[in-house]
Amino acid sequence: RTMALSAAMFFAGSAITSVAGGYAVLMAGQLVAGVACGFGLVVAPVYIAEMAPAASRGFLSSIPEVCSIRSCSCNLSY
């Protein structure tokens, strides 16, 4: 259910952004999408940790965190 809620928030944020007629609606859509992104970054490692086999649980759980840090460092380098 939690992953579905995050996906629904992503959808709602992109839908609001795509039909925005003004700046305030555009920013509201970006806010919803940003909250969904943060929500997904918290939920995804927990879901992976619960579903992964014990032998590879730590490695698989760390992949979303490494990708998140890598993308932030790439954005800061410009």
N, C-alpha and C. Protein backbone atom coordinates (compact mmCIF):
# COMPACT_ATOMS: atom_id res chain seq x y z
N ARG A 1 0.81 -1.21 0.00
CA ARG A 1 0.00 0.00 0.00
C ARG A 1 0.85 1.26 0.00
N THR A 2 1.94 1.22 0.71
CA THR A 2 2.79 2.41 0.81
C THR A 2 3.42 2.75 -0.53
N MET A 3 3.87 1.73 -1.26
CA MET A 3 4.45 1.97 -2.58
C MET A 3 3.38 2.50 -3.54
N ALA A 4 2.16 2.00 -3.42
CA ALA A 4 1.08 2.48 -4.28
C ALA A 4 0.75 3.94 -3.96
N LEU A 5 0.80 4.31 -2.70
CA LEU A 5 0.57 5.71 -2.32
C LEU A 5 1.65 6.62 -2.91
N SER A 6 2.89 6.17 -2.85
CA SER A 6 3.98 6.95 -3.43
C SER A 6 3.80 7.09 -4.94
N ALA A 7 3.42 6.02 -5.61
CA ALA A 7 3.19 6.08 -7.06
C ALA A 7 2.02 7.01 -7.39
N ALA A 8 0.98 6.97 -6.58
CA ALA A 8 -0.17 7.85 -6.81
C ALA A 8 0.23 9.32 -6.63
N MET A 9 1.10 9.58 -5.65
CA MET A 9 1.56 10.95 -5.45
C MET A 9 2.43 11.41 -6.62
N PHE A 10 3.27 10.52 -7.13
CA PHE A 10 4.06 10.86 -8.33
C PHE A 10 3.14 11.20 -9.49
N PHE A 11 2.13 10.38 -9.69
CA PHE A 11 1.18 10.61 -10.78
C PHE A 11 0.45 11.93 -10.60
N ALA A 12 -0.03 12.18 -9.38
CA ALA A 12 -0.76 13.42 -9.11
C ALA A 12 0.13 14.64 -9.32
N GLY A 13 1.37 14.57 -8.85
CA GLY A 13 2.29 15.69 -9.02
C GLY A 13 2.58 15.98 -10.48
N SER A 14 2.78 14.93 -11.27
CA SER A 14 3.06 15.15 -12.69
C SER A 14 1.81 15.62 -13.43
N ALA A 15 0.64 15.14 -13.03
CA ALA A 15 -0.60 15.58 -13.67
C ALA A 15 -0.88 17.05 -13.36
N ILE A 16 -0.68 17.44 -12.11
CA ILE A 16 -0.90 18.85 -11.73
C ILE A 16 0.08 19.75 -12.47
N THR A 17 1.34 19.31 -12.55
CA THR A 17 2.35 20.12 -13.23
C THR A 17 2.05 20.25 -14.72
N SER A 18 1.57 19.18 -15.33
CA SER A 18 1.35 19.22 -16.78
C SER A 18 0.14 20.07 -17.17
N VAL A 19 -0.83 20.23 -16.29
CA VAL A 19 -2.01 21.04 -16.64
C VAL A 19 -1.99 22.41 -15.97
N ALA A 20 -0.85 22.77 -15.40
CA ALA A 20 -0.77 24.04 -14.68
C ALA A 20 -1.01 25.21 -15.61
N GLY A 21 -1.87 26.09 -15.15
CA GLY A 21 -2.17 27.29 -15.92
C GLY A 21 -1.46 28.52 -15.39
N GLY A 22 -0.86 28.38 -14.24
CA GLY A 22 -0.17 29.51 -13.63
C GLY A 22 0.97 29.04 -12.76
N TYR A 23 1.71 30.00 -12.26
CA TYR A 23 2.89 29.69 -11.45
C TYR A 23 2.54 28.96 -10.16
N ALA A 24 1.47 29.37 -9.48
CA ALA A 24 1.10 28.77 -8.20
C ALA A 24 0.72 27.30 -8.37
N VAL A 25 -0.01 26.97 -9.42
CA VAL A 25 -0.40 25.58 -9.67
C VAL A 25 0.83 24.76 -10.05
N LEU A 26 1.72 25.34 -10.82
CA LEU A 26 2.95 24.66 -11.19
C LEU A 26 3.78 24.33 -9.95
N MET A 27 3.90 25.27 -9.04
CA MET A 27 4.65 25.04 -7.81
C MET A 27 3.95 24.03 -6.91
N ALA A 28 2.62 24.01 -6.91
CA ALA A 28 1.89 23.01 -6.13
C ALA A 28 2.16 21.61 -6.67
N GLY A 29 2.17 21.47 -7.99
CA GLY A 29 2.48 20.19 -8.59
C GLY A 29 3.89 19.74 -8.29
N GLN A 30 4.83 20.69 -8.33
CA GLN A 30 6.21 20.36 -8.01
C GLN A 30 6.36 19.97 -6.53
N LEU A 31 5.59 20.61 -5.67
CA LEU A 31 5.62 20.26 -4.25
C LEU A 31 5.12 18.84 -4.03
N VAL A 32 4.02 18.49 -4.67
CA VAL A 32 3.48 17.13 -4.54
C VAL A 32 4.48 16.11 -5.08
N ALA A 33 5.08 16.40 -6.23
CA ALA A 33 6.07 15.49 -6.81
C ALA A 33 7.31 15.39 -5.93
N GLY A 34 7.72 16.47 -5.32
CA GLY A 34 8.87 16.45 -4.42
C GLY A 34 8.61 15.64 -3.16
N VAL A 35 7.43 15.76 -2.61
CA VAL A 35 7.07 14.95 -1.44
C VAL A 35 7.03 13.48 -1.82
N ALA A 36 6.51 13.18 -3.00
CA ALA A 36 6.47 11.79 -3.47
C ALA A 36 7.88 11.25 -3.67
N CYS A 37 8.78 12.07 -4.16
CA CYS A 37 10.16 11.64 -4.36
C CYS A 37 10.82 11.32 -3.01
N GLY A 38 10.64 12.18 -2.04
CA GLY A 38 11.17 11.92 -0.70
C GLY A 38 10.55 10.69 -0.07
N PHE A 39 9.26 10.54 -0.29
CA PHE A 39 8.53 9.38 0.24
C PHE A 39 9.07 8.10 -0.39
N GLY A 40 9.30 8.14 -1.69
CA GLY A 40 9.82 6.96 -2.38
C GLY A 40 11.23 6.62 -1.95
N LEU A 41 12.06 7.63 -1.69
CA LEU A 41 13.42 7.37 -1.24
C LEU A 41 13.47 6.74 0.14
N VAL A 42 12.45 6.96 0.94
CA VAL A 42 12.39 6.33 2.26
C VAL A 42 11.80 4.93 2.17
N VAL A 43 10.79 4.76 1.36
CA VAL A 43 10.05 3.50 1.31
C VAL A 43 10.79 2.42 0.51
N ALA A 44 11.45 2.79 -0.57
CA ALA A 44 12.08 1.80 -1.45
C ALA A 44 13.13 0.93 -0.75
N PRO A 45 14.07 1.49 0.02
CA PRO A 45 15.02 0.62 0.70
C PRO A 45 14.39 -0.33 1.72
N VAL A 46 13.34 0.13 2.37
CA VAL A 46 12.64 -0.73 3.34
C VAL A 46 11.98 -1.89 2.61
N TYR A 47 11.33 -1.61 1.49
CA TYR A 47 10.69 -2.65 0.70
C TYR A 47 11.72 -3.65 0.17
N ILE A 48 12.84 -3.14 -0.32
CA ILE A 48 13.89 -4.01 -0.83
C ILE A 48 14.44 -4.88 0.29
N ALA A 49 14.66 -4.31 1.46
CA ALA A 49 15.19 -5.07 2.59
C ALA A 49 14.25 -6.17 3.03
N GLU A 50 12.97 -5.95 2.94
CA GLU A 50 12.01 -6.97 3.33
C GLU A 50 11.89 -8.08 2.30
N MET A 51 12.09 -7.76 1.02
CA MET A 51 11.87 -8.74 -0.04
C MET A 51 13.15 -9.48 -0.46
N ALA A 52 14.32 -8.92 -0.19
CA ALA A 52 15.57 -9.50 -0.66
C ALA A 52 15.96 -10.72 0.18
N PRO A 53 16.67 -11.68 -0.44
CA PRO A 53 17.22 -12.79 0.33
C PRO A 53 18.25 -12.29 1.33
N ALA A 54 18.42 -13.01 2.41
CA ALA A 54 19.30 -12.56 3.49
C ALA A 54 20.74 -12.37 3.02
N ALA A 55 21.20 -13.16 2.08
CA ALA A 55 22.59 -13.08 1.64
C ALA A 55 22.91 -11.77 0.92
N SER A 56 21.94 -11.19 0.24
CA SER A 56 22.21 -9.97 -0.52
C SER A 56 21.41 -8.77 -0.03
N ARG A 57 20.84 -8.86 1.14
CA ARG A 57 19.97 -7.80 1.65
C ARG A 57 20.68 -6.47 1.83
N GLY A 58 21.85 -6.47 2.42
CA GLY A 58 22.58 -5.22 2.67
C GLY A 58 22.99 -4.53 1.38
N PHE A 59 23.51 -5.32 0.44
CA PHE A 59 23.93 -4.75 -0.84
C PHE A 59 22.76 -4.15 -1.59
N LEU A 60 21.67 -4.90 -1.69
CA LEU A 60 20.51 -4.42 -2.45
C LEU A 60 19.84 -3.23 -1.77
N SER A 61 19.86 -3.19 -0.45
CA SER A 61 19.24 -2.07 0.27
C SER A 61 20.03 -0.79 0.12
N SER A 62 21.33 -0.90 -0.11
CA SER A 62 22.15 0.30 -0.21
C SER A 62 22.15 0.92 -1.60
N ILE A 63 21.70 0.20 -2.62
CA ILE A 63 21.72 0.73 -3.99
C ILE A 63 20.91 2.02 -4.13
N PRO A 64 19.66 2.10 -3.63
CA PRO A 64 18.93 3.38 -3.78
C PRO A 64 19.62 4.55 -3.07
N GLU A 65 20.25 4.28 -1.93
CA GLU A 65 20.94 5.35 -1.20
C GLU A 65 22.16 5.83 -1.97
N VAL A 66 22.92 4.90 -2.53
CA VAL A 66 24.10 5.28 -3.31
C VAL A 66 23.69 6.07 -4.55
N CYS A 67 22.63 5.64 -5.21
CA CYS A 67 22.16 6.37 -6.39
C CYS A 67 21.68 7.77 -6.03
N SER A 68 21.04 7.91 -4.89
CA SER A 68 20.56 9.21 -4.45
C SER A 68 21.73 10.15 -4.16
N ILE A 69 22.72 9.66 -3.45
CA ILE A 69 23.89 10.49 -3.14
C ILE A 69 24.66 10.83 -4.41
N ARG A 70 24.77 9.88 -5.32
CA ARG A 70 25.48 10.11 -6.58
C ARG A 70 24.78 11.20 -7.41
N SER A 71 23.46 11.13 -7.47
CA SER A 71 22.75 12.14 -8.26
C SER A 71 22.86 13.52 -7.62
N CYS A 72 22.85 13.60 -6.31
CA CYS A 72 23.01 14.89 -5.64
C CYS A 72 24.40 15.46 -5.90
N SER A 73 25.42 14.60 -5.85
CA SER A 73 26.77 15.11 -6.06
C SER A 73 26.98 15.52 -7.52
N CYS A 74 26.32 14.85 -8.46
CA CYS A 74 26.42 15.26 -9.88
C CYS A 74 25.75 16.61 -10.09
N ASN A 75 24.64 16.84 -9.41
CA ASN A 75 23.94 18.13 -9.56
C ASN A 75 24.73 19.27 -8.94
N LEU A 76 25.47 19.00 -7.88
CA LEU A 76 26.22 20.05 -7.23
C LEU A 76 27.51 20.39 -7.97
N SER A 77 27.94 19.53 -8.87
CA SER A 77 29.21 19.76 -9.55
C SER A 77 29.09 20.79 -10.66
N TYR A 78 27.89 21.18 -11.05
CA TYR A 78 27.74 22.15 -12.14
C TYR A 78 27.69 23.55 -11.63
